[in-house]
Amino acid sequence: MDGDHILSLKVMRLTRPSLFTGLAIGCDGRDLPGDHLNAEIRADMAIPQGLPNTGVGHMLLLPQSFGNIYLGETFSCCLCVHNDGNETIQQVSIKAVLQMSNQRVPLLGEDENELLQQLEGNGTINQVIQHEVKDIGTHILVCAVNYLSTTGDQQSFRKFFKFQVMKPLDVKTKFYNAESDEVYLEAGVQNITSGPLCLEKVELEPSPYFTVSSLNNIPEEDNALIFGRMNVVNPHDTRQYLYCLKPKLEARSNPQALRQATAIGKLDIVWRTNMGDRGRLQTSQLQRMPPQYGDVRVCVEEINNVVLLEEPFSVALSITNICERVLELHAEFLGGGGGTEWSGISSRSLEMLQPGQATQITLSLLPLQTGLQTIAGIRLTDTFLKRTYDYENLAQVFVTNERSKEKEEFFSNWINQVA
C-alpha cells in the first residue's frame, strides 16, 4: 500500500533490452549434475537448431535501471495501480502530468471523469503513456490516483519520478557564400550518446528563398550514400554532410531581399539505436552571415577556365545596383592582376542603374604569364558620392603556352574543383 491507502502505484519504464555477452553454464556428463544443465540449454525454444548458446535470452539483458533518455526519442512507461485489499474500489482515476522547467504537459486523465473505473479486490489497472521528448534537462513525471474508499470518502495520493533528458547529437555548421549567390552548408553530426546510432536521414529543409541539393550521394551508384548502405556512427564519431543551396528565380530578381535572407533552413535528422528505437531531431532555423557586397556587386558571368599565353580572351561581367538609390558609375580598368592585362579602353562610363537593376559588360584580357592567374584590377566610382569600389579577386584562369586538348581538359576540371 501507499501509506494508509488501499491502492498502490508503480511506474515502469517501457524500454528495449540491451545486447550483452552472456555466459552459458553447462557441465560435463561425468559431473554430478550429469547432462541436466546441457539438456536445459538444448530445450530453449529460442536457440536455432545446431547452434547451442545462441538463443535470444543469452544475448539480451533486461534494463537494470531507468536508463538514459535522449532528446527526440519517445518516452514510454506503464502506470500500474493495484488493489491490495479484497473489497471492490469505486471511481478509480489515474492522472499523469510531465513537468519541465518551462511547461506542463498532461499525458493521462486530463478529463476528471474520463477514466473513472472500478477495481476489484487484488485487481490491477494498467495504463501505458507515451510522449516524444522535445526538451533537454530535468523532467518530473507526476502521477496521481483518486478513488472512493469503502467508507465513501474521497481519497488521493501522488508520486513523483524525476529523470534527465540529454542531447544525443552535437550539430556544428559552417557556411560558404559563393559569388554566384549559391550557399554551401557543411554540417557535422556527432554522436554523443553511449552507444552506436544508425543515421537513417539527414536532410536540409530549405527556407522559401532557396532550393537545396545534397552533395552526399554517389550518382554512379544510383545515388547511394557516400557513407555506405548502413550509416552507423559510433560514440564520439562525426559524419560530415554538404549541401548546396541555390536562390529561387524570384529571389534572384530581388538582390536586396536575397542579401538580407540570412535564414537558410532546418536540418531534419532521424536515427535508430542498435535495438531499433527511433529518434528524430530538427534543428532551429540555421542562420548565415549576410554577404557584404556594399552598394554595388560585380559577378563574373562567363570566362574560360584555360587560356593560351599572349592570346586575348573575353570576360563577361554583371554589375548590379543593390542599394536603394540610383547609381551613375564610372569604370576604370587598372590591371588584370599581375599575370594578365586589360586590353582595350582603360575606362568608361556606365549607364545609370536603378535600385536592383543590373548591366553586363564584356572586356578583353591579355595573358602575359603562364600558370594560375587571378583576374583583378577593376575600380567603380560613384560619380555622385565620389565613392570608389575596388575588385581584386574576381576569378581565376589557367594560362598555358601549349595547345593540348588533354591539358586543357585536365586544367579545366582542376579549376572547377578548386572553385
Protein backbone atom coordinates (compact mmCIF):
# COMPACT_ATOMS: atom_id res chain seq x y z
CA MET A 1 0.00 0.00 0.00
CA ASP A 2 0.99 3.65 -0.47
CA GLY A 3 0.96 4.91 3.12
CA ASP A 4 -2.53 4.33 4.56
CA HIS A 5 -4.07 3.82 1.11
CA ILE A 6 -5.51 0.53 -0.01
CA LEU A 7 -4.25 1.14 -3.56
CA SER A 8 -0.61 1.09 -4.61
CA LEU A 9 1.03 2.66 -7.64
CA LYS A 10 4.07 1.53 -9.60
CA VAL A 11 5.61 3.18 -12.64
CA MET A 12 7.71 1.09 -15.01
CA ARG A 13 9.55 2.49 -17.99
CA LEU A 14 9.00 0.53 -21.20
CA THR A 15 12.29 0.16 -23.00
CA ARG A 16 14.01 -2.48 -25.07
CA PRO A 17 16.72 -4.76 -23.71
CA SER A 18 20.38 -4.22 -24.42
CA LEU A 19 22.90 -6.55 -26.02
CA PHE A 20 25.44 -8.30 -23.84
CA THR A 21 27.74 -11.30 -23.95
CA GLY A 22 26.21 -13.98 -21.78
CA LEU A 23 27.93 -16.95 -20.19
CA ALA A 24 26.12 -20.24 -20.78
CA ILE A 25 26.50 -22.62 -17.86
CA GLY A 26 26.99 -26.22 -18.88
CA CYS A 27 28.67 -29.25 -17.40
CA ASP A 28 30.46 -32.42 -18.34
CA GLY A 29 28.40 -35.59 -18.45
CA ARG A 30 30.69 -37.15 -15.83
CA ASP A 31 29.99 -34.38 -13.30
CA LEU A 32 27.41 -34.71 -10.55
CA PRO A 33 24.58 -32.84 -12.41
CA GLY A 34 25.12 -35.15 -15.34
CA ASP A 35 23.52 -33.89 -18.55
CA HIS A 36 20.74 -31.89 -16.88
CA LEU A 37 22.19 -28.39 -17.47
CA ASN A 38 23.02 -29.16 -21.09
CA ALA A 39 19.52 -30.52 -21.63
CA GLU A 40 18.01 -27.31 -20.29
CA ILE A 41 20.07 -25.28 -22.80
CA ARG A 42 19.05 -27.54 -25.70
CA ALA A 43 15.40 -27.23 -24.69
CA ASP A 44 15.41 -23.44 -25.11
CA MET A 45 12.96 -22.67 -27.95
CA ALA A 46 14.89 -19.52 -28.96
CA ILE A 47 18.07 -21.42 -29.82
CA PRO A 48 18.48 -22.27 -33.54
CA GLN A 49 18.92 -25.95 -34.36
CA GLY A 50 22.56 -26.96 -34.21
CA LEU A 51 23.76 -23.62 -32.76
CA PRO A 52 23.95 -24.00 -28.97
CA ASN A 53 24.29 -20.96 -26.69
CA THR A 54 22.98 -18.59 -29.38
CA GLY A 55 19.43 -18.05 -28.13
CA VAL A 56 17.96 -14.59 -27.74
CA GLY A 57 17.92 -14.99 -23.98
CA HIS A 58 21.67 -15.48 -23.96
CA MET A 59 22.37 -12.19 -25.74
CA LEU A 60 19.80 -9.76 -24.31
CA LEU A 61 19.84 -8.04 -20.93
CA LEU A 62 16.70 -6.54 -19.45
CA PRO A 63 17.04 -2.94 -18.19
CA GLN A 64 18.52 -2.81 -14.71
CA SER A 65 17.74 0.88 -14.13
CA PHE A 66 15.67 3.74 -15.54
CA GLY A 67 18.32 4.20 -18.26
CA ASN A 68 19.19 7.17 -20.43
CA ILE A 69 16.58 9.26 -22.25
CA TYR A 70 17.70 11.37 -25.20
CA LEU A 71 16.10 14.34 -26.87
CA GLY A 72 13.95 13.30 -29.84
CA GLU A 73 13.15 9.82 -28.51
CA THR A 74 9.74 8.62 -27.30
CA PHE A 75 9.40 8.18 -23.55
CA SER A 76 7.11 5.23 -22.75
CA CYS A 77 6.03 3.96 -19.36
CA CYS A 78 3.35 1.81 -17.76
CA LEU A 79 1.33 3.02 -14.75
CA CYS A 80 0.21 0.09 -12.61
CA VAL A 81 -2.45 0.63 -9.90
CA HIS A 82 -3.08 -2.42 -7.72
CA ASN A 83 -5.85 -3.05 -5.19
CA ASP A 84 -4.08 -4.58 -2.19
CA GLY A 85 -7.38 -5.37 -0.44
CA ASN A 86 -10.21 -7.80 -1.08
CA GLU A 87 -13.03 -5.28 -1.48
CA THR A 88 -14.05 -3.53 -4.71
CA ILE A 89 -12.93 0.10 -5.03
CA GLN A 90 -15.11 2.54 -6.96
CA GLN A 91 -14.36 5.63 -9.10
CA VAL A 92 -10.65 4.96 -9.59
CA SER A 93 -8.93 7.51 -11.83
CA ILE A 94 -5.29 8.00 -12.80
CA LYS A 95 -3.67 11.25 -13.85
CA ALA A 96 -0.18 11.75 -15.24
CA VAL A 97 1.49 15.09 -15.95
CA LEU A 98 5.01 15.70 -17.24
CA GLN A 99 6.58 18.85 -15.81
CA MET A 100 9.55 20.63 -17.39
CA SER A 101 11.24 23.87 -16.48
CA ASN A 102 9.04 25.94 -18.78
CA GLN A 103 5.86 23.95 -19.40
CA ARG A 104 3.48 21.31 -18.12
CA VAL A 105 2.18 18.55 -20.42
CA PRO A 106 -0.87 16.44 -19.43
CA LEU A 107 -0.36 12.81 -20.50
CA LEU A 108 -3.26 10.95 -18.92
CA GLY A 109 -6.61 11.72 -17.29
CA GLU A 110 -6.95 15.34 -18.32
CA ASP A 111 -10.72 14.98 -18.06
CA GLU A 112 -11.61 14.14 -14.45
CA ASN A 113 -14.44 11.83 -15.47
CA GLU A 114 -12.58 10.30 -18.39
CA LEU A 115 -11.00 7.30 -16.68
CA LEU A 116 -13.30 6.50 -13.73
CA GLN A 117 -13.04 2.75 -13.25
CA GLN A 118 -13.97 0.01 -10.84
CA LEU A 119 -11.16 -2.04 -9.33
CA GLU A 120 -11.89 -5.47 -7.92
CA GLY A 121 -10.06 -6.92 -4.93
CA ASN A 122 -6.44 -7.86 -5.82
CA GLY A 123 -7.12 -6.39 -9.26
CA THR A 124 -4.82 -4.19 -11.35
CA ILE A 125 -5.27 -1.29 -13.75
CA ASN A 126 -2.51 -0.76 -16.32
CA GLN A 127 -2.18 2.40 -18.40
CA VAL A 128 0.58 2.94 -21.00
CA ILE A 129 1.58 6.52 -21.79
CA GLN A 130 3.96 7.78 -24.46
CA HIS A 131 5.46 11.19 -25.06
CA GLU A 132 8.02 12.45 -27.60
CA VAL A 133 10.70 14.27 -25.62
CA LYS A 134 11.35 17.74 -27.05
CA ASP A 135 13.23 19.49 -24.22
CA ILE A 136 16.60 18.97 -22.58
CA GLY A 137 17.02 18.96 -18.82
CA THR A 138 15.13 17.75 -15.77
CA HIS A 139 11.70 16.19 -16.28
CA ILE A 140 9.32 15.22 -13.47
CA LEU A 141 6.53 12.70 -14.04
CA VAL A 142 3.71 13.44 -11.57
CA CYS A 143 1.25 10.58 -11.12
CA ALA A 144 -1.94 11.00 -9.09
CA VAL A 145 -4.50 8.35 -8.11
CA ASN A 146 -8.01 9.26 -6.95
CA TYR A 147 -10.60 6.79 -5.68
CA LEU A 148 -13.64 6.36 -3.43
CA SER A 149 -12.86 4.38 -0.30
CA THR A 150 -15.14 1.67 1.12
CA THR A 151 -16.43 4.19 3.64
CA GLY A 152 -17.45 6.59 0.87
CA ASP A 153 -14.63 9.10 1.41
CA GLN A 154 -12.71 10.60 -1.50
CA GLN A 155 -9.06 9.56 -1.29
CA SER A 156 -6.00 10.50 -3.37
CA PHE A 157 -2.22 10.25 -3.38
CA ARG A 158 0.62 11.25 -5.69
CA LYS A 159 4.07 10.04 -6.68
CA PHE A 160 6.92 11.86 -8.39
CA PHE A 161 9.51 10.39 -10.77
CA LYS A 162 12.42 12.55 -11.85
CA PHE A 163 14.64 11.85 -14.86
CA GLN A 164 17.11 13.72 -17.07
CA VAL A 165 16.84 14.19 -20.83
CA MET A 166 20.19 14.51 -22.59
CA LYS A 167 21.24 15.66 -26.03
CA PRO A 168 22.01 12.75 -28.39
CA LEU A 169 23.71 14.65 -31.22
CA ASP A 170 26.01 17.64 -31.49
CA VAL A 171 25.48 19.53 -34.75
CA LYS A 172 28.05 22.07 -35.99
CA THR A 173 27.60 24.07 -39.19
CA LYS A 174 29.73 26.21 -41.49
CA PHE A 175 28.52 28.44 -44.33
CA TYR A 176 30.27 29.48 -47.53
CA ASN A 177 28.77 32.27 -49.64
CA ALA A 178 29.74 31.88 -53.31
CA GLU A 179 29.91 34.77 -55.77
CA SER A 180 27.15 33.14 -57.83
CA ASP A 181 24.66 33.57 -54.92
CA GLU A 182 24.99 29.91 -54.06
CA VAL A 183 25.38 28.99 -50.39
CA TYR A 184 27.27 25.86 -49.30
CA LEU A 185 26.44 24.36 -45.93
CA GLU A 186 28.80 21.97 -44.18
CA ALA A 187 27.14 20.15 -41.26
CA GLY A 188 28.99 17.94 -38.80
CA VAL A 189 26.76 15.50 -36.89
CA GLN A 190 28.46 13.92 -33.87
CA ASN A 191 27.09 11.01 -31.83
CA ILE A 192 27.42 11.97 -28.14
CA THR A 193 25.38 9.05 -26.76
CA SER A 194 26.86 5.99 -25.07
CA GLY A 195 26.02 3.61 -27.93
CA PRO A 196 26.13 3.43 -31.74
CA LEU A 197 23.46 5.17 -33.80
CA CYS A 198 22.27 4.46 -37.33
CA LEU A 199 21.52 7.72 -39.13
CA GLU A 200 18.54 6.98 -41.36
CA LYS A 201 18.04 10.51 -42.67
CA VAL A 202 19.95 13.78 -42.55
CA GLU A 203 18.16 16.26 -44.80
CA LEU A 204 18.11 20.03 -45.11
CA GLU A 205 14.69 21.68 -45.38
CA PRO A 206 15.47 25.00 -47.12
CA SER A 207 13.90 28.37 -46.41
CA PRO A 208 11.48 29.85 -49.03
CA TYR A 209 14.33 31.73 -50.78
CA PHE A 210 16.38 28.65 -51.72
CA THR A 211 16.31 25.22 -53.29
CA VAL A 212 18.70 22.60 -51.96
CA SER A 213 20.69 19.75 -53.47
CA SER A 214 22.55 17.18 -51.40
CA LEU A 215 26.22 16.53 -52.21
CA ASN A 216 26.39 13.37 -50.09
CA ASN A 217 25.48 10.80 -52.75
CA ILE A 218 27.33 8.90 -55.48
CA PRO A 219 25.48 9.37 -58.81
CA GLU A 220 27.29 6.45 -60.46
CA GLU A 221 25.87 4.09 -57.83
CA ASP A 222 22.18 5.07 -58.05
CA ASN A 223 22.70 7.99 -55.64
CA ALA A 224 23.97 5.69 -52.89
CA LEU A 225 25.08 7.48 -49.74
CA ILE A 226 28.83 8.05 -49.61
CA PHE A 227 28.90 6.58 -46.07
CA GLY A 228 27.60 3.21 -47.25
CA ARG A 229 24.31 1.38 -47.05
CA MET A 230 24.33 1.31 -43.24
CA ASN A 231 25.33 4.73 -41.90
CA VAL A 232 26.36 3.64 -38.40
CA VAL A 233 28.05 6.25 -36.22
CA ASN A 234 29.91 5.04 -33.14
CA PRO A 235 30.02 7.11 -29.93
CA HIS A 236 32.01 10.37 -30.34
CA ASP A 237 32.33 9.84 -34.12
CA THR A 238 31.23 12.54 -36.58
CA ARG A 239 29.65 12.48 -40.04
CA GLN A 240 30.21 15.45 -42.36
CA TYR A 241 27.39 16.45 -44.73
CA LEU A 242 27.50 19.02 -47.54
CA TYR A 243 24.56 20.82 -49.16
CA CYS A 244 24.31 23.39 -51.94
CA LEU A 245 21.55 26.00 -51.77
CA LYS A 246 20.63 27.95 -54.88
CA PRO A 247 18.39 31.04 -54.87
CA LYS A 248 15.00 30.66 -56.48
CA LEU A 249 14.24 32.67 -59.61
CA GLU A 250 12.05 35.17 -57.77
CA ALA A 251 14.82 35.67 -55.19
CA ARG A 252 17.41 36.34 -57.89
CA SER A 253 15.26 39.17 -59.25
CA ASN A 254 15.44 40.94 -55.89
CA PRO A 255 19.12 41.21 -54.88
CA GLN A 256 18.34 43.39 -51.88
CA ALA A 257 15.98 40.80 -50.38
CA LEU A 258 18.39 37.98 -51.22
CA ARG A 259 21.22 39.75 -49.44
CA GLN A 260 19.05 40.06 -46.31
CA ALA A 261 17.92 36.42 -46.47
CA THR A 262 20.00 35.06 -43.60
CA ALA A 263 17.70 32.11 -42.78
CA ILE A 264 18.90 29.03 -44.68
CA GLY A 265 16.71 26.20 -43.41
CA LYS A 266 16.48 23.40 -40.85
CA LEU A 267 18.29 20.08 -40.56
CA ASP A 268 15.97 17.11 -40.08
CA ILE A 269 17.76 14.11 -38.56
CA VAL A 270 16.28 10.65 -37.99
CA TRP A 271 18.22 7.85 -36.30
CA ARG A 272 17.80 4.45 -34.70
CA THR A 273 19.65 2.86 -31.81
CA ASN A 274 21.28 -0.56 -32.00
CA MET A 275 18.00 -2.08 -30.77
CA GLY A 276 15.82 -0.22 -33.29
CA ASP A 277 14.48 2.60 -31.10
CA ARG A 278 13.67 5.58 -33.31
CA GLY A 279 14.57 9.18 -32.63
CA ARG A 280 14.12 12.41 -34.53
CA LEU A 281 15.70 15.81 -34.09
CA GLN A 282 15.11 19.02 -36.01
CA THR A 283 17.41 21.98 -35.54
CA SER A 284 16.24 25.55 -35.23
CA GLN A 285 16.45 27.81 -38.28
CA LEU A 286 20.09 27.96 -39.38
CA GLN A 287 21.40 31.48 -39.87
CA ARG A 288 24.25 32.61 -42.11
CA MET A 289 26.16 35.87 -42.07
CA PRO A 290 24.80 38.06 -44.88
CA PRO A 291 27.29 38.58 -47.72
CA GLN A 292 28.89 42.01 -47.69
CA TYR A 293 28.57 43.44 -51.20
CA GLY A 294 28.39 47.15 -50.39
CA ASP A 295 26.18 49.14 -52.76
CA VAL A 296 27.49 47.53 -55.95
CA ARG A 297 28.01 43.89 -56.78
CA VAL A 298 30.24 42.61 -59.58
CA CYS A 299 29.98 38.96 -60.72
CA VAL A 300 31.74 37.05 -63.50
CA GLU A 301 29.07 35.65 -65.80
CA GLU A 302 31.29 33.98 -68.40
CA ILE A 303 35.02 33.17 -68.60
CA ASN A 304 37.23 30.37 -69.94
CA ASN A 305 38.95 28.11 -67.44
CA VAL A 306 42.04 27.60 -69.63
CA VAL A 307 43.51 30.23 -71.99
CA LEU A 308 46.62 30.44 -74.19
CA LEU A 309 49.57 32.68 -73.42
CA GLU A 310 49.55 36.07 -75.23
CA GLU A 311 46.16 35.36 -76.86
CA PRO A 312 43.32 37.68 -75.75
CA PHE A 313 40.22 36.19 -74.18
CA SER A 314 36.88 37.66 -73.11
CA VAL A 315 35.38 38.13 -69.65
CA ALA A 316 31.65 38.90 -69.22
CA LEU A 317 30.82 40.83 -66.05
CA SER A 318 27.50 41.62 -64.40
CA ILE A 319 27.24 44.85 -62.36
CA THR A 320 24.21 45.12 -60.05
CA ASN A 321 22.92 48.05 -58.02
CA ILE A 322 21.85 46.63 -54.64
CA CYS A 323 21.35 49.91 -52.81
CA GLU A 324 18.15 51.94 -52.60
CA ARG A 325 19.16 54.87 -54.81
CA VAL A 326 20.03 55.39 -58.47
CA LEU A 327 23.72 54.88 -59.30
CA GLU A 328 25.78 56.50 -62.02
CA LEU A 329 29.04 54.60 -62.22
CA HIS A 330 32.36 55.14 -63.94
CA ALA A 331 34.55 52.05 -64.52
CA GLU A 332 38.36 52.00 -64.63
CA PHE A 333 40.48 49.00 -65.64
CA LEU A 334 43.75 49.34 -63.72
CA GLY A 335 45.39 45.99 -64.43
CA GLY A 336 44.39 42.38 -64.87
CA GLY A 337 46.17 41.10 -61.78
CA GLY A 338 49.89 40.68 -62.41
CA GLY A 339 49.90 37.91 -64.99
CA THR A 340 47.21 39.50 -67.19
CA GLU A 341 46.46 42.97 -68.57
CA TRP A 342 43.21 44.52 -69.73
CA SER A 343 43.09 45.03 -73.48
CA GLY A 344 41.20 48.00 -74.97
CA ILE A 345 39.99 51.22 -73.40
CA SER A 346 41.14 51.96 -69.86
CA SER A 347 37.87 53.46 -68.57
CA ARG A 348 34.24 54.00 -69.48
CA SER A 349 31.03 55.45 -68.05
CA LEU A 350 28.21 53.00 -67.41
CA GLU A 351 24.51 53.53 -67.84
CA MET A 352 22.50 54.71 -64.85
CA LEU A 353 21.34 51.81 -62.70
CA GLN A 354 18.02 51.83 -60.86
CA PRO A 355 17.80 50.00 -57.49
CA GLY A 356 18.01 46.27 -58.17
CA GLN A 357 18.93 46.77 -61.84
CA ALA A 358 21.95 45.06 -63.45
CA THR A 359 24.02 45.67 -66.55
CA GLN A 360 26.53 43.47 -68.35
CA ILE A 361 29.84 44.43 -69.93
CA THR A 362 32.31 42.31 -71.89
CA LEU A 363 36.03 43.01 -71.54
CA SER A 364 39.17 41.61 -73.14
CA LEU A 365 42.23 40.37 -71.24
CA LEU A 366 45.73 39.55 -72.49
CA PRO A 367 47.56 36.80 -70.50
CA LEU A 368 51.29 37.53 -70.06
CA GLN A 369 52.39 34.75 -67.67
CA THR A 370 51.71 31.03 -67.51
CA GLY A 371 50.12 29.33 -64.52
CA LEU A 372 47.07 30.09 -62.41
CA GLN A 373 46.30 33.81 -62.72
CA THR A 374 43.81 35.96 -60.79
CA ILE A 375 41.51 38.37 -62.59
CA ALA A 376 41.53 41.72 -60.76
CA GLY A 377 42.04 45.45 -61.23
CA ILE A 378 38.52 46.87 -61.67
CA ARG A 379 37.53 50.11 -59.94
CA LEU A 380 34.00 51.51 -59.96
CA THR A 381 33.37 55.12 -58.92
CA ASP A 382 30.04 56.52 -57.80
CA THR A 383 30.04 59.89 -59.59
CA PHE A 384 27.55 61.40 -57.16
CA LEU A 385 29.12 60.46 -53.81
CA LYS A 386 32.67 60.12 -55.22
CA ARG A 387 32.85 56.72 -53.56
CA THR A 388 35.09 54.03 -55.11
CA TYR A 389 34.75 50.24 -55.14
CA ASP A 390 37.80 48.07 -55.94
CA TYR A 391 37.56 44.41 -57.05
CA GLU A 392 40.79 42.45 -56.76
CA ASN A 393 39.71 38.80 -56.87
CA LEU A 394 37.00 38.23 -59.45
CA ALA A 395 38.02 34.87 -60.91
CA GLN A 396 40.97 32.64 -61.82
CA VAL A 397 42.17 31.22 -65.13
CA PHE A 398 44.96 28.85 -66.05
CA VAL A 399 47.34 30.19 -68.67
CA THR A 400 49.26 27.67 -70.79
CA ASN A 401 51.64 28.04 -73.72
CA GLU A 402 50.83 24.68 -75.34
CA ARG A 403 47.83 23.74 -77.43
CA SER A 404 46.88 20.41 -75.98
CA LYS A 405 43.30 19.29 -75.73
CA GLU A 406 44.16 16.83 -72.99
CA LYS A 407 45.89 19.53 -70.93
CA GLU A 408 43.05 21.97 -71.41
CA GLU A 409 40.50 19.41 -70.22
CA PHE A 410 42.70 18.47 -67.24
CA PHE A 411 43.26 22.04 -66.05
CA SER A 412 39.65 22.99 -66.75
CA ASN A 413 38.43 20.17 -64.48
CA TRP A 414 41.06 21.07 -61.89
CA ILE A 415 39.99 24.72 -61.77
CA ASN A 416 36.35 23.72 -61.44
CA GLN A 417 37.23 21.57 -58.44
CA VAL A 418 39.27 24.37 -56.84
CA ALA A 419 36.47 26.87 -57.40
